């Protein structure tokens, strides 16, 4: 009771309009759903349901999923989706950043919860339905990522668009059949990508004799570190400067530049690492960085086949 009273006072004293997303995430980082719920209720009493509130609420679903409390996660996900759909009636989905994040999280948690319960086909159906509905929105890559996690292994790797590129001209994936290929999806703003680059440089050198080819798709985001709204030509020049500074061991790596590639491969997380086997099929799909030993083990499996 003493802890609950303290949390109630804290929620009342703290300005409910300031940082509800951060407050909820901080509470959940300590696995305190009680504190998170108090923050949410205090914010809703003062401000009503807003896009910020819906995104904050979505973290309840994500945290429950991480805790493997699948029933709780499903309940929070469905409530998040319901709140988001009500908000969309007032705000177009991509008119501000919070609604697509919240709705994408709700669908992600719903599909992952189904998959964790062994309902694999139902999880895939949820994501395919969502892609049909929201495939033209900013949620596309995130939804595709989740679908790929459930269905990509063993499929022929989709072709990459490479009309625009840096470095040497990217070969088509079809031309690389017979060789293992590592796709390294990166972004100019991504610190984890910069940290992964030396690992990939080292592994490429180790497995070059076994035919390993590395391609590094990236895309334009519409901004740079200095300019909030950058023209495509200016952003391309900035990407090249980042490449020269942070990817010195991979300067000869072909870099196709296309949002299409990111949408197709669901690279909403950077880096995203995809291994393609000698038959041109996806052998590993991993959103996020991998340490040297783990990535080496995956490459070893592919080159040994």
Protein backbone atom coordinates (compact mmCIF):
# COMPACT_ATOMS: atom_id res chain seq x y z
CA UNK A 1 0.00 0.00 0.00
CA UNK A 2 2.84 2.38 0.84
CA UNK A 3 4.37 1.85 -2.61
CA UNK A 4 0.99 2.33 -4.28
CA UNK A 5 0.40 5.58 -2.35
CA UNK A 6 3.83 6.81 -3.41
CA UNK A 7 3.10 6.04 -7.06
CA UNK A 8 -0.24 7.81 -6.86
CA UNK A 9 1.38 10.92 -5.42
CA UNK A 10 4.13 10.72 -8.04
CA UNK A 11 1.59 10.50 -10.85
CA UNK A 12 -0.37 13.47 -9.50
CA UNK A 13 2.68 15.63 -8.90
CA UNK A 14 4.39 14.90 -12.21
CA UNK A 15 2.95 16.94 -15.09
CA UNK A 16 0.70 14.44 -16.86
CA UNK A 17 1.18 16.19 -20.17
CA UNK A 18 4.97 15.83 -20.15
CA UNK A 19 6.47 12.67 -21.58
CA UNK A 20 3.82 10.03 -20.98
CA UNK A 21 5.59 7.69 -23.38
CA UNK A 22 8.90 8.10 -21.54
CA UNK A 23 7.20 7.74 -18.14
CA UNK A 24 5.43 4.54 -19.13
CA UNK A 25 8.54 3.05 -20.70
CA UNK A 26 10.60 3.87 -17.62
CA UNK A 27 8.03 2.22 -15.35
CA UNK A 28 7.89 -0.86 -17.54
CA UNK A 29 11.68 -1.06 -17.65
CA UNK A 30 11.33 -1.88 -13.95
CA UNK A 31 8.48 -4.25 -14.87
CA UNK A 32 6.01 -2.11 -12.92
CA UNK A 33 2.72 -2.37 -14.79
CA UNK A 34 1.07 -0.70 -11.78
CA UNK A 35 3.17 2.45 -12.12
CA UNK A 36 2.72 2.48 -15.90
CA UNK A 37 -1.04 2.18 -15.50
CA UNK A 38 -1.07 5.08 -13.04
CA UNK A 39 0.82 7.28 -15.49
CA UNK A 40 -1.59 6.34 -18.27
CA UNK A 41 -4.67 7.05 -16.17
CA UNK A 42 -3.28 10.40 -14.97
CA UNK A 43 -2.51 11.45 -18.54
CA UNK A 44 -5.89 10.32 -19.85
CA UNK A 45 -7.76 12.18 -17.08
CA UNK A 46 -5.95 15.40 -17.97
CA UNK A 47 -5.72 15.09 -21.76
CA UNK A 48 -8.07 12.38 -22.95
CA UNK A 49 -6.95 9.80 -25.52
CA UNK A 50 -4.30 11.25 -27.84
CA UNK A 51 -1.82 9.66 -30.27
CA UNK A 52 0.86 9.99 -27.56
CA UNK A 53 -1.35 8.11 -25.13
CA UNK A 54 -1.96 5.30 -27.63
CA UNK A 55 1.76 4.86 -28.28
CA UNK A 56 2.43 4.85 -24.54
CA UNK A 57 -0.28 2.22 -24.10
CA UNK A 58 1.28 0.06 -26.81
CA UNK A 59 4.32 -0.43 -24.57
CA UNK A 60 2.13 -2.39 -22.17
CA UNK A 61 1.56 -4.93 -24.94
CA UNK A 62 5.22 -5.05 -25.93
CA UNK A 63 6.41 -5.53 -22.37
CA UNK A 64 3.88 -8.29 -21.68
CA UNK A 65 5.06 -10.06 -24.84
CA UNK A 66 8.70 -9.77 -23.71
CA UNK A 67 7.59 -11.31 -20.40
CA UNK A 68 5.94 -14.16 -22.35
CA UNK A 69 2.60 -13.34 -20.75
CA UNK A 70 0.79 -13.99 -24.00
CA UNK A 71 -2.78 -13.55 -22.79
CA UNK A 72 -1.94 -10.20 -21.24
CA UNK A 73 0.01 -9.16 -24.33
CA UNK A 74 -2.91 -10.05 -26.59
CA UNK A 75 -5.32 -8.05 -24.44
CA UNK A 76 -3.13 -4.96 -24.46
CA UNK A 77 -2.51 -5.33 -28.21
CA UNK A 78 -6.22 -5.50 -29.02
CA UNK A 79 -6.93 -2.47 -26.83
CA UNK A 80 -4.08 -0.54 -28.48
CA UNK A 81 -5.45 -1.38 -31.93
CA UNK A 82 -8.95 -0.29 -30.90
CA UNK A 83 -7.65 3.02 -29.54
CA UNK A 84 -5.55 3.60 -32.65
CA UNK A 85 -8.44 2.93 -35.03
CA UNK A 86 -10.58 5.45 -33.14
CA UNK A 87 -7.79 8.01 -33.46
CA UNK A 88 -7.43 7.37 -37.18
CA UNK A 89 -10.98 8.64 -37.60
CA UNK A 90 -9.66 12.00 -36.38
CA UNK A 91 -6.05 11.93 -37.63
CA UNK A 92 -4.79 10.35 -40.88
CA UNK A 93 -2.46 7.51 -39.94
CA UNK A 94 0.75 9.16 -41.12
CA UNK A 95 -0.18 12.72 -40.16
CA UNK A 96 2.00 12.39 -37.04
CA UNK A 97 4.47 9.76 -35.78
CA UNK A 98 2.70 8.16 -32.80
CA UNK A 99 -0.26 6.41 -34.43
CA UNK A 100 1.68 4.28 -36.94
CA UNK A 101 4.13 3.29 -34.20
CA UNK A 102 1.29 2.29 -31.88
CA UNK A 103 -0.78 0.46 -34.46
CA UNK A 104 2.29 -1.27 -35.89
CA UNK A 105 3.23 -2.42 -32.41
CA UNK A 106 -0.29 -3.76 -31.77
CA UNK A 107 -0.28 -5.83 -34.95
CA UNK A 108 3.28 -7.00 -34.28
CA UNK A 109 2.42 -8.16 -30.77
CA UNK A 110 -0.78 -9.85 -31.96
CA UNK A 111 1.08 -11.82 -34.63
CA UNK A 112 4.00 -12.75 -32.39
CA UNK A 113 1.63 -13.85 -29.64
CA UNK A 114 -0.18 -16.16 -32.04
CA UNK A 115 3.12 -17.55 -33.30
CA UNK A 116 4.34 -18.14 -29.75
CA UNK A 117 1.17 -20.13 -29.06
CA UNK A 118 1.85 -22.31 -32.10
CA UNK A 119 -0.79 -20.64 -34.28
CA UNK A 120 1.66 -19.98 -37.10
CA UNK A 121 -0.78 -19.70 -40.00
CA UNK A 122 -3.09 -17.40 -38.03
CA UNK A 123 -0.13 -15.13 -37.26
CA UNK A 124 0.79 -14.96 -40.95
CA UNK A 125 -2.82 -14.23 -41.86
CA UNK A 126 -2.92 -11.28 -39.43
CA UNK A 127 0.17 -9.76 -41.04
CA UNK A 128 -0.98 -10.35 -44.62
CA UNK A 129 -4.31 -8.70 -43.84
CA UNK A 130 -2.50 -5.75 -42.26
CA UNK A 131 -0.23 -5.42 -45.30
CA UNK A 132 -3.24 -5.28 -47.59
CA UNK A 133 -4.75 -2.55 -45.41
CA UNK A 134 -1.64 -0.52 -44.53
CA UNK A 135 0.82 -1.45 -47.26
CA UNK A 136 0.92 2.12 -48.57
CA UNK A 137 1.75 3.66 -45.20
CA UNK A 138 4.89 4.07 -43.12
CA UNK A 139 4.02 0.78 -41.39
CA UNK A 140 4.84 -1.32 -44.45
CA UNK A 141 8.45 -2.23 -43.66
CA UNK A 142 7.61 -3.12 -40.06
CA UNK A 143 4.74 -5.36 -41.08
CA UNK A 144 6.86 -6.99 -43.77
CA UNK A 145 9.64 -7.59 -41.23
CA UNK A 146 7.27 -9.51 -39.00
CA UNK A 147 5.91 -11.50 -41.92
CA UNK A 148 9.45 -12.29 -43.07
CA UNK A 149 10.39 -13.49 -39.60
CA UNK A 150 7.63 -16.10 -39.89
CA UNK A 151 7.89 -17.05 -43.55
CA UNK A 152 11.15 -15.94 -45.20
CA UNK A 153 13.49 -18.86 -44.50
CA UNK A 154 13.83 -21.15 -47.51
CA UNK A 155 12.20 -18.73 -49.95
CA UNK A 156 13.94 -17.36 -53.01
CA UNK A 157 15.46 -14.02 -52.03
CA UNK A 158 13.53 -11.18 -53.71
CA UNK A 159 15.39 -9.22 -56.38
CA UNK A 160 16.90 -5.91 -55.35
CA UNK A 161 16.32 -2.64 -57.16
CA UNK A 162 19.64 -0.97 -57.94
CA UNK A 163 18.90 1.85 -60.38
CA UNK A 164 20.67 4.16 -57.94
CA UNK A 165 23.80 2.99 -56.12
CA UNK A 166 27.12 3.88 -54.55
CA UNK A 167 30.34 1.94 -54.98
CA UNK A 168 30.54 -0.64 -57.72
CA UNK A 169 27.43 -1.52 -59.71
CA UNK A 170 25.38 -4.07 -57.74
CA UNK A 171 25.01 -7.45 -59.44
CA UNK A 172 21.52 -8.95 -59.57
CA UNK A 173 20.95 -11.66 -56.99
CA UNK A 174 20.16 -14.05 -59.82
CA UNK A 175 23.70 -13.53 -61.16
CA UNK A 176 25.14 -14.56 -57.80
CA UNK A 177 23.56 -18.02 -57.65
CA UNK A 178 26.25 -20.49 -56.74
CA UNK A 179 27.76 -18.06 -54.23
CA UNK A 180 26.62 -17.28 -50.69
CA UNK A 181 25.48 -13.65 -50.27
CA UNK A 182 25.21 -11.45 -47.20
CA UNK A 183 22.81 -8.51 -47.44
CA UNK A 184 23.71 -5.77 -44.96
CA UNK A 185 20.85 -3.27 -44.75
CA UNK A 186 22.16 -0.07 -43.13
CA UNK A 187 21.24 3.58 -42.63
CA UNK A 188 23.38 6.69 -42.49
CA UNK A 189 22.07 7.60 -39.02
CA UNK A 190 22.50 4.10 -37.54
CA UNK A 191 25.14 3.65 -34.84
CA UNK A 192 24.64 -0.12 -34.68
CA UNK A 193 25.35 -0.32 -38.41
CA UNK A 194 28.67 1.46 -37.96
CA UNK A 195 29.55 -0.97 -35.16
CA UNK A 196 28.62 -3.96 -37.35
CA UNK A 197 30.75 -2.81 -40.30
CA UNK A 198 34.15 -4.03 -38.96
CA UNK A 199 32.59 -7.42 -38.18
CA UNK A 200 31.31 -7.75 -41.73
CA UNK A 201 34.62 -6.51 -43.12
CA UNK A 202 36.49 -9.22 -41.21
CA UNK A 203 34.08 -12.01 -42.14
CA UNK A 204 34.06 -11.02 -45.80
CA UNK A 205 37.86 -11.30 -45.85
CA UNK A 206 37.74 -14.68 -44.10
CA UNK A 207 35.16 -16.17 -46.47
CA UNK A 208 36.10 -14.48 -49.74
CA UNK A 209 37.86 -17.65 -50.85
CA UNK A 210 34.58 -19.54 -50.41
CA UNK A 211 32.71 -17.06 -52.60
CA UNK A 212 30.97 -14.87 -50.02
CA UNK A 213 29.63 -11.68 -51.59
CA UNK A 214 28.41 -8.74 -49.49
CA UNK A 215 25.86 -6.19 -50.71
CA UNK A 216 24.92 -3.18 -48.58
CA UNK A 217 21.47 -1.81 -49.43
CA UNK A 218 20.51 1.55 -47.95
CA UNK A 219 17.86 4.17 -48.65
CA UNK A 220 17.09 7.88 -48.54
CA UNK A 221 15.31 9.13 -45.42
CA UNK A 222 14.81 12.77 -46.38
CA UNK A 223 17.23 14.26 -43.85
CA UNK A 224 20.85 14.35 -42.76
CA UNK A 225 22.59 15.08 -39.47
CA UNK A 226 22.72 18.76 -40.43
CA UNK A 227 19.58 19.27 -42.53
CA UNK A 228 16.06 18.38 -41.38
CA UNK A 229 14.61 18.30 -44.89
CA UNK A 230 17.39 17.34 -47.29
CA UNK A 231 17.09 17.22 -51.07
CA UNK A 232 17.77 13.73 -52.50
CA UNK A 233 21.05 14.80 -54.11
CA UNK A 234 22.27 16.35 -50.87
CA UNK A 235 21.31 13.29 -48.84
CA UNK A 236 23.02 11.01 -51.34
CA UNK A 237 26.21 13.04 -50.99
CA UNK A 238 25.88 12.81 -47.20
CA UNK A 239 25.41 9.02 -47.35
CA UNK A 240 28.57 8.76 -49.42
CA UNK A 241 30.45 10.89 -46.87
CA UNK A 242 29.23 8.61 -44.06
CA UNK A 243 30.27 5.58 -46.10
CA UNK A 244 33.74 7.00 -46.66
CA UNK A 245 34.18 7.83 -42.97
CA UNK A 246 32.68 4.82 -41.19
CA UNK A 247 32.72 1.98 -43.73
CA UNK A 248 36.32 2.16 -44.94
CA UNK A 249 36.71 -1.60 -45.07
CA UNK A 250 33.62 -1.93 -47.28
CA UNK A 251 34.10 0.87 -49.81
CA UNK A 252 34.09 -1.63 -52.67
CA UNK A 253 30.80 -3.11 -51.39
CA UNK A 254 27.97 -2.39 -53.87
CA UNK A 255 25.34 -0.16 -52.21
CA UNK A 256 21.95 -0.21 -53.96
CA UNK A 257 19.79 2.69 -52.79
CA UNK A 258 16.05 2.12 -52.76
CA UNK A 259 13.14 2.33 -50.32
CA UNK A 260 11.63 -0.61 -52.27
CA UNK A 261 14.41 -2.91 -51.06
CA UNK A 262 13.78 -1.92 -47.44
CA UNK A 263 10.03 -2.45 -47.80
CA UNK A 264 10.47 -5.81 -49.52
CA UNK A 265 12.95 -7.11 -46.96
CA UNK A 266 11.15 -5.49 -44.02
CA UNK A 267 14.26 -3.62 -42.98
CA UNK A 268 12.52 -1.33 -40.50
CA UNK A 269 15.29 -2.31 -38.07
CA UNK A 270 18.86 -1.38 -38.97
CA UNK A 271 21.01 -3.17 -39.45
CA UNK A 272 19.05 -6.04 -40.93
CA UNK A 273 21.21 -9.00 -41.94
CA UNK A 274 20.07 -11.52 -44.55
CA UNK A 275 22.06 -14.56 -45.66
CA UNK A 276 21.27 -16.04 -49.05
CA UNK A 277 22.51 -19.54 -49.84
CA UNK A 278 24.10 -20.80 -53.04
CA UNK A 279 20.66 -21.67 -54.44
CA UNK A 280 19.49 -18.08 -53.99
CA UNK A 281 17.25 -18.89 -51.02
CA UNK A 282 17.03 -17.05 -47.71
CA UNK A 283 19.03 -19.02 -45.13
CA UNK A 284 18.98 -16.42 -42.31
CA UNK A 285 16.86 -13.34 -41.69
CA UNK A 286 17.91 -11.25 -38.71
CA UNK A 287 16.65 -7.74 -37.88
CA UNK A 288 19.37 -6.18 -35.72
CA UNK A 289 23.12 -6.49 -35.22
CA UNK A 290 24.94 -9.76 -34.62
CA UNK A 291 28.26 -10.27 -32.82
CA UNK A 292 31.17 -11.73 -34.77
CA UNK A 293 30.90 -15.31 -33.50
CA UNK A 294 27.17 -15.59 -34.11
CA UNK A 295 27.31 -14.18 -37.63
CA UNK A 296 30.35 -16.33 -38.43
CA UNK A 297 28.46 -19.46 -37.34
CA UNK A 298 25.57 -18.59 -39.67
CA UNK A 299 27.91 -17.89 -42.59
CA UNK A 300 29.72 -21.16 -41.95
CA UNK A 301 26.44 -23.06 -42.32
CA UNK A 302 25.76 -21.40 -45.66
CA UNK A 303 29.19 -21.82 -47.20
CA UNK A 304 29.29 -25.47 -46.09
CA UNK A 305 26.11 -26.40 -47.94
